[in-house]
């Protein structure tokens, strides 16, 4: 599971890799419903796990974001999975406000991905 992190920004649109992919006919930064993002590169630095998706977008994994936030991964997992209910609670409202400030208004807090043939 890859979670959105407002601290990470997408690569600049003028980068060669991003520009070439965005210019391809039919390219969409979001795969069709039910499709998985494919992890192109995954690394861990100081215990923070992060990935670069096939479309060039960097993301923190659930484990990496939990470590950066100083919370247990399971807490973050429950929050993400139950987002529809959690966003109406005080903590969820604060998180939702921060996400909106970062121009994130998706219904879900995570993207399903494929890494080495395993869905996560």
N, C-alpha and C. Protein backbone atom coordinates (compact mmCIF):
# COMPACT_ATOMS: atom_id res chain seq x y z
N UNK A 1 0.84 -1.17 0.00
CA UNK A 1 0.00 0.00 0.00
C UNK A 1 0.88 1.23 0.00
N UNK A 2 0.62 2.13 -0.89
CA UNK A 2 1.37 3.38 -0.97
C UNK A 2 0.43 4.50 -0.57
N UNK A 3 0.84 5.27 0.41
CA UNK A 3 -0.01 6.34 0.91
C UNK A 3 0.43 7.68 0.38
N UNK A 4 -0.55 8.55 0.18
CA UNK A 4 -0.25 9.90 -0.26
C UNK A 4 0.43 10.63 0.86
N UNK A 5 1.45 11.35 0.55
CA UNK A 5 2.15 12.17 1.54
C UNK A 5 2.26 13.59 1.01
N UNK A 6 1.60 14.56 1.68
CA UNK A 6 1.68 15.93 1.20
C UNK A 6 3.10 16.49 1.28
N UNK A 7 4.02 15.80 1.98
CA UNK A 7 5.39 16.29 2.08
C UNK A 7 6.17 16.01 0.80
N UNK A 8 5.74 15.01 0.03
CA UNK A 8 6.43 14.68 -1.20
C UNK A 8 5.72 15.30 -2.38
N UNK A 9 6.47 15.79 -3.30
CA UNK A 9 5.91 16.42 -4.48
C UNK A 9 6.20 15.54 -5.69
N UNK A 10 5.34 15.62 -6.68
CA UNK A 10 5.57 14.92 -7.94
C UNK A 10 6.81 15.51 -8.59
N UNK A 11 7.46 14.73 -9.46
CA UNK A 11 8.64 15.26 -10.14
C UNK A 11 8.27 16.45 -11.00
N UNK A 12 9.21 17.35 -11.25
CA UNK A 12 8.89 18.51 -12.07
C UNK A 12 8.43 18.10 -13.45
N UNK A 13 7.44 18.83 -13.97
CA UNK A 13 6.89 18.49 -15.28
C UNK A 13 7.90 18.68 -16.40
N UNK A 14 8.98 19.39 -16.13
CA UNK A 14 9.97 19.58 -17.18
C UNK A 14 11.05 18.50 -17.17
N UNK A 15 10.93 17.52 -16.23
CA UNK A 15 11.92 16.44 -16.25
C UNK A 15 11.70 15.60 -17.50
N UNK A 16 12.76 15.10 -18.06
CA UNK A 16 12.68 14.36 -19.31
C UNK A 16 11.75 13.17 -19.18
N UNK A 17 11.91 12.40 -18.12
CA UNK A 17 11.10 11.19 -17.95
C UNK A 17 9.62 11.55 -17.82
N UNK A 18 9.31 12.51 -16.97
CA UNK A 18 7.92 12.91 -16.77
C UNK A 18 7.34 13.50 -18.04
N UNK A 19 8.07 14.39 -18.69
CA UNK A 19 7.57 15.04 -19.89
C UNK A 19 7.29 14.01 -20.98
N UNK A 20 8.18 13.05 -21.17
CA UNK A 20 7.97 12.07 -22.23
C UNK A 20 6.76 11.19 -21.93
N UNK A 21 6.53 10.87 -20.69
CA UNK A 21 5.38 10.04 -20.35
C UNK A 21 4.07 10.82 -20.44
N UNK A 22 4.10 12.08 -20.05
CA UNK A 22 2.88 12.89 -20.11
C UNK A 22 2.49 13.18 -21.55
N UNK A 23 3.46 13.18 -22.46
CA UNK A 23 3.16 13.50 -23.85
C UNK A 23 2.69 12.29 -24.64
N UNK A 24 2.80 11.10 -24.08
CA UNK A 24 2.36 9.90 -24.79
C UNK A 24 0.84 9.90 -24.87
N UNK A 25 0.27 9.58 -26.03
CA UNK A 25 -1.19 9.51 -26.14
C UNK A 25 -1.75 8.48 -25.17
N UNK A 26 -2.82 8.84 -24.51
CA UNK A 26 -3.48 7.92 -23.59
C UNK A 26 -2.83 7.82 -22.22
N UNK A 27 -1.75 8.59 -21.97
CA UNK A 27 -1.11 8.54 -20.66
C UNK A 27 -2.01 9.18 -19.63
N UNK A 28 -2.12 8.53 -18.51
CA UNK A 28 -2.88 9.07 -17.40
C UNK A 28 -2.06 8.87 -16.15
N UNK A 29 -1.91 9.90 -15.29
CA UNK A 29 -1.14 9.70 -14.08
C UNK A 29 -1.80 8.69 -13.15
N UNK A 30 -3.07 8.42 -13.32
CA UNK A 30 -3.78 7.44 -12.50
C UNK A 30 -4.19 6.28 -13.40
N UNK A 31 -3.88 5.04 -12.99
CA UNK A 31 -4.25 3.92 -13.84
C UNK A 31 -5.76 3.71 -13.81
N UNK A 32 -6.30 2.99 -14.80
CA UNK A 32 -7.73 2.73 -14.81
C UNK A 32 -8.15 2.02 -13.52
N UNK A 33 -9.42 2.17 -13.16
CA UNK A 33 -9.92 1.58 -11.93
C UNK A 33 -9.62 0.09 -11.91
N UNK A 34 -9.08 -0.39 -10.82
CA UNK A 34 -8.74 -1.79 -10.66
C UNK A 34 -7.32 -2.10 -11.09
N UNK A 35 -6.69 -1.22 -11.87
CA UNK A 35 -5.31 -1.45 -12.30
C UNK A 35 -4.36 -1.06 -11.16
N UNK A 36 -3.18 -1.61 -11.18
CA UNK A 36 -2.20 -1.32 -10.14
C UNK A 36 -1.10 -0.41 -10.67
N UNK A 37 -0.60 0.46 -9.79
CA UNK A 37 0.61 1.19 -10.10
C UNK A 37 1.76 0.20 -9.95
N UNK A 38 2.74 0.30 -10.80
CA UNK A 38 3.90 -0.58 -10.70
C UNK A 38 5.06 0.20 -10.11
N UNK A 39 5.69 -0.40 -9.12
CA UNK A 39 6.83 0.22 -8.45
C UNK A 39 8.05 0.03 -9.33
N UNK A 40 8.66 1.13 -9.72
CA UNK A 40 9.85 1.07 -10.56
C UNK A 40 11.11 0.96 -9.70
N UNK A 41 11.12 1.64 -8.57
CA UNK A 41 12.30 1.64 -7.70
C UNK A 41 11.82 1.75 -6.26
N UNK A 42 12.40 0.96 -5.37
CA UNK A 42 12.06 1.02 -3.95
C UNK A 42 13.35 1.06 -3.16
N UNK A 43 13.44 2.01 -2.23
CA UNK A 43 14.61 2.13 -1.38
C UNK A 43 14.19 2.43 0.05
N UNK A 44 15.14 2.26 0.95
CA UNK A 44 14.92 2.61 2.35
C UNK A 44 16.12 3.42 2.81
N UNK A 45 15.83 4.58 3.40
CA UNK A 45 16.87 5.46 3.92
C UNK A 45 16.54 5.76 5.37
N UNK A 46 17.45 5.44 6.27
CA UNK A 46 17.24 5.66 7.70
C UNK A 46 15.91 5.08 8.18
N UNK A 47 15.56 3.90 7.67
CA UNK A 47 14.33 3.23 8.09
C UNK A 47 13.06 3.77 7.45
N UNK A 48 13.18 4.72 6.52
CA UNK A 48 12.02 5.28 5.83
C UNK A 48 11.96 4.68 4.43
N UNK A 49 10.94 3.87 4.21
CA UNK A 49 10.78 3.19 2.93
C UNK A 49 10.04 4.09 1.95
N UNK A 50 10.58 4.21 0.73
CA UNK A 50 9.96 5.05 -0.28
C UNK A 50 10.10 4.39 -1.64
N UNK A 51 9.23 4.80 -2.56
CA UNK A 51 9.24 4.20 -3.89
C UNK A 51 9.08 5.28 -4.95
N UNK A 52 9.46 4.93 -6.17
CA UNK A 52 9.16 5.73 -7.34
C UNK A 52 8.29 4.85 -8.22
N UNK A 53 7.12 5.37 -8.57
CA UNK A 53 6.20 4.62 -9.40
C UNK A 53 6.61 4.69 -10.86
N UNK A 54 6.02 3.84 -11.67
CA UNK A 54 6.37 3.78 -13.09
C UNK A 54 6.12 5.10 -13.81
N UNK A 55 5.23 5.94 -13.28
CA UNK A 55 4.97 7.23 -13.93
C UNK A 55 5.89 8.33 -13.39
N UNK A 56 6.88 7.95 -12.57
CA UNK A 56 7.87 8.89 -12.07
C UNK A 56 7.50 9.58 -10.78
N UNK A 57 6.35 9.28 -10.21
CA UNK A 57 5.90 9.94 -8.99
C UNK A 57 6.50 9.25 -7.76
N UNK A 58 7.16 10.03 -6.87
CA UNK A 58 7.71 9.46 -5.64
C UNK A 58 6.63 9.38 -4.56
N UNK A 59 6.66 8.31 -3.80
CA UNK A 59 5.72 8.13 -2.70
C UNK A 59 6.41 7.46 -1.53
N UNK A 60 5.88 7.70 -0.35
CA UNK A 60 6.29 6.95 0.83
C UNK A 60 5.38 5.73 0.93
N UNK A 61 5.95 4.63 1.36
CA UNK A 61 5.12 3.47 1.64
C UNK A 61 4.39 3.72 2.95
N UNK A 62 3.44 2.86 3.25
CA UNK A 62 2.72 2.97 4.52
C UNK A 62 3.71 2.94 5.68
N UNK A 63 4.64 2.03 5.62
CA UNK A 63 5.63 1.91 6.69
C UNK A 63 6.50 3.17 6.77
N UNK A 64 6.91 3.71 5.61
CA UNK A 64 7.74 4.90 5.60
C UNK A 64 7.03 6.12 6.15
N UNK A 65 5.76 6.31 5.74
CA UNK A 65 4.99 7.46 6.23
C UNK A 65 4.72 7.34 7.73
N UNK A 66 4.40 6.13 8.19
CA UNK A 66 4.17 5.93 9.63
C UNK A 66 5.43 6.28 10.42
N UNK A 67 6.57 5.85 9.92
CA UNK A 67 7.83 6.15 10.62
C UNK A 67 8.08 7.65 10.66
N UNK A 68 7.85 8.34 9.54
CA UNK A 68 8.06 9.79 9.51
C UNK A 68 7.09 10.53 10.42
N UNK A 69 5.89 9.98 10.58
CA UNK A 69 4.88 10.62 11.44
C UNK A 69 5.04 10.21 12.90
N UNK A 70 5.88 9.23 13.17
CA UNK A 70 6.10 8.78 14.55
C UNK A 70 4.94 7.98 15.11
N UNK A 71 4.22 7.27 14.23
CA UNK A 71 3.09 6.45 14.69
C UNK A 71 3.30 5.01 14.22
N UNK A 72 2.55 4.11 14.82
CA UNK A 72 2.61 2.71 14.43
C UNK A 72 1.96 2.54 13.06
N UNK A 73 2.52 1.68 12.25
CA UNK A 73 2.01 1.42 10.91
C UNK A 73 0.56 0.97 10.94
N UNK A 74 0.18 0.19 11.94
CA UNK A 74 -1.20 -0.32 12.02
C UNK A 74 -2.21 0.80 12.22
N UNK A 75 -1.82 1.84 12.95
CA UNK A 75 -2.70 2.99 13.15
C UNK A 75 -2.96 3.68 11.81
N UNK A 76 -1.90 3.87 11.05
CA UNK A 76 -2.02 4.50 9.73
C UNK A 76 -2.83 3.62 8.78
N UNK A 77 -2.62 2.31 8.85
CA UNK A 77 -3.35 1.38 8.01
C UNK A 77 -4.85 1.46 8.28
N UNK A 78 -5.23 1.45 9.55
CA UNK A 78 -6.66 1.54 9.90
C UNK A 78 -7.26 2.86 9.44
N UNK A 79 -6.51 3.94 9.60
CA UNK A 79 -6.97 5.26 9.16
C UNK A 79 -7.21 5.26 7.65
N UNK A 80 -6.28 4.72 6.89
CA UNK A 80 -6.39 4.72 5.43
C UNK A 80 -7.53 3.82 4.96
N UNK A 81 -7.64 2.64 5.52
CA UNK A 81 -8.67 1.69 5.09
C UNK A 81 -10.06 2.19 5.45
N UNK A 82 -10.20 2.85 6.60
CA UNK A 82 -11.51 3.33 7.07
C UNK A 82 -11.67 4.83 6.84
N UNK A 83 -11.04 5.37 5.80
CA UNK A 83 -11.02 6.81 5.58
C UNK A 83 -12.40 7.44 5.49
N UNK A 84 -13.36 6.78 4.86
CA UNK A 84 -14.71 7.36 4.72
C UNK A 84 -15.30 7.70 6.08
N UNK A 85 -15.10 6.84 7.07
CA UNK A 85 -15.61 7.10 8.42
C UNK A 85 -14.67 8.03 9.20
N UNK A 86 -13.37 7.80 9.04
CA UNK A 86 -12.38 8.55 9.82
C UNK A 86 -12.34 10.03 9.49
N UNK A 87 -12.64 10.40 8.24
CA UNK A 87 -12.54 11.82 7.86
C UNK A 87 -13.60 12.69 8.52
N UNK A 88 -14.61 12.08 9.11
CA UNK A 88 -15.62 12.88 9.82
C UNK A 88 -15.27 13.07 11.30
N UNK A 89 -14.23 12.40 11.76
CA UNK A 89 -13.78 12.53 13.15
C UNK A 89 -12.78 13.69 13.25
N UNK A 90 -12.54 14.22 14.44
CA UNK A 90 -11.64 15.38 14.59
C UNK A 90 -10.26 15.18 13.93
N UNK A 91 -9.62 14.05 14.19
CA UNK A 91 -8.30 13.81 13.59
C UNK A 91 -8.40 13.74 12.07
N UNK A 92 -9.43 13.05 11.59
CA UNK A 92 -9.63 12.92 10.15
C UNK A 92 -9.91 14.26 9.49
N UNK A 93 -10.65 15.13 10.17
CA UNK A 93 -10.92 16.46 9.61
C UNK A 93 -9.64 17.27 9.47
N UNK A 94 -8.75 17.17 10.47
CA UNK A 94 -7.47 17.89 10.40
C UNK A 94 -6.62 17.34 9.24
N UNK A 95 -6.59 16.03 9.10
CA UNK A 95 -5.82 15.42 8.01
C UNK A 95 -6.42 15.82 6.68
N UNK A 96 -7.73 15.80 6.57
CA UNK A 96 -8.41 16.16 5.34
C UNK A 96 -8.10 17.61 4.95
N UNK A 97 -8.10 18.50 5.93
CA UNK A 97 -7.76 19.91 5.66
C UNK A 97 -6.33 20.04 5.13
N UNK A 98 -5.39 19.32 5.73
CA UNK A 98 -4.00 19.36 5.26
C UNK A 98 -3.88 18.81 3.84
N UNK A 99 -4.61 17.74 3.56
CA UNK A 99 -4.57 17.15 2.22
C UNK A 99 -5.16 18.11 1.19
N UNK A 100 -6.26 18.77 1.54
CA UNK A 100 -6.86 19.73 0.62
C UNK A 100 -5.93 20.91 0.34
N UNK A 101 -5.19 21.35 1.37
CA UNK A 101 -4.21 22.42 1.19
C UNK A 101 -3.11 22.00 0.21
N UNK A 102 -2.88 20.69 0.12
CA UNK A 102 -1.89 20.16 -0.82
C UNK A 102 -2.52 19.71 -2.12
N UNK A 103 -3.77 20.16 -2.36
CA UNK A 103 -4.51 19.84 -3.58
C UNK A 103 -4.78 18.35 -3.76
N UNK A 104 -4.98 17.63 -2.66
CA UNK A 104 -5.32 16.21 -2.73
C UNK A 104 -6.77 16.08 -2.29
N UNK A 105 -7.63 15.64 -3.21
CA UNK A 105 -9.05 15.53 -2.90
C UNK A 105 -9.61 14.18 -3.37
N UNK A 106 -8.78 13.15 -3.34
CA UNK A 106 -9.23 11.82 -3.76
C UNK A 106 -10.08 11.18 -2.66
N UNK A 107 -10.84 10.16 -3.03
CA UNK A 107 -11.68 9.46 -2.07
C UNK A 107 -10.88 8.51 -1.19
N UNK A 108 -9.70 8.15 -1.63
CA UNK A 108 -8.88 7.18 -0.92
C UNK A 108 -7.54 7.80 -0.54
N UNK A 109 -6.93 7.28 0.52
CA UNK A 109 -5.64 7.79 0.96
C UNK A 109 -4.48 6.95 0.44
N UNK A 110 -4.77 5.91 -0.30
CA UNK A 110 -3.68 5.04 -0.76
C UNK A 110 -3.92 4.57 -2.18
N UNK A 111 -2.85 4.12 -2.79
CA UNK A 111 -2.87 3.56 -4.13
C UNK A 111 -2.45 2.10 -4.03
N UNK A 112 -3.16 1.24 -4.72
CA UNK A 112 -2.72 -0.14 -4.77
C UNK A 112 -1.55 -0.20 -5.74
N UNK A 113 -0.57 -1.00 -5.39
CA UNK A 113 0.61 -1.09 -6.24
C UNK A 113 1.04 -2.53 -6.42
N UNK A 114 1.92 -2.72 -7.37
CA UNK A 114 2.49 -4.01 -7.67
C UNK A 114 4.01 -3.87 -7.56
N UNK A 115 4.62 -4.68 -6.71
CA UNK A 115 6.07 -4.66 -6.59
C UNK A 115 6.56 -6.09 -6.64
N UNK A 116 7.35 -6.38 -7.67
CA UNK A 116 7.86 -7.73 -7.90
C UNK A 116 6.73 -8.76 -8.01
N UNK A 117 5.63 -8.35 -8.67
CA UNK A 117 4.51 -9.26 -8.90
C UNK A 117 3.59 -9.46 -7.70
N UNK A 118 3.81 -8.73 -6.64
CA UNK A 118 2.98 -8.85 -5.44
C UNK A 118 2.16 -7.59 -5.27
N UNK A 119 0.84 -7.74 -5.14
CA UNK A 119 -0.04 -6.59 -4.92
C UNK A 119 0.08 -6.15 -3.47
N UNK A 120 0.17 -4.84 -3.28
CA UNK A 120 0.19 -4.30 -1.92
C UNK A 120 -0.64 -3.05 -1.85
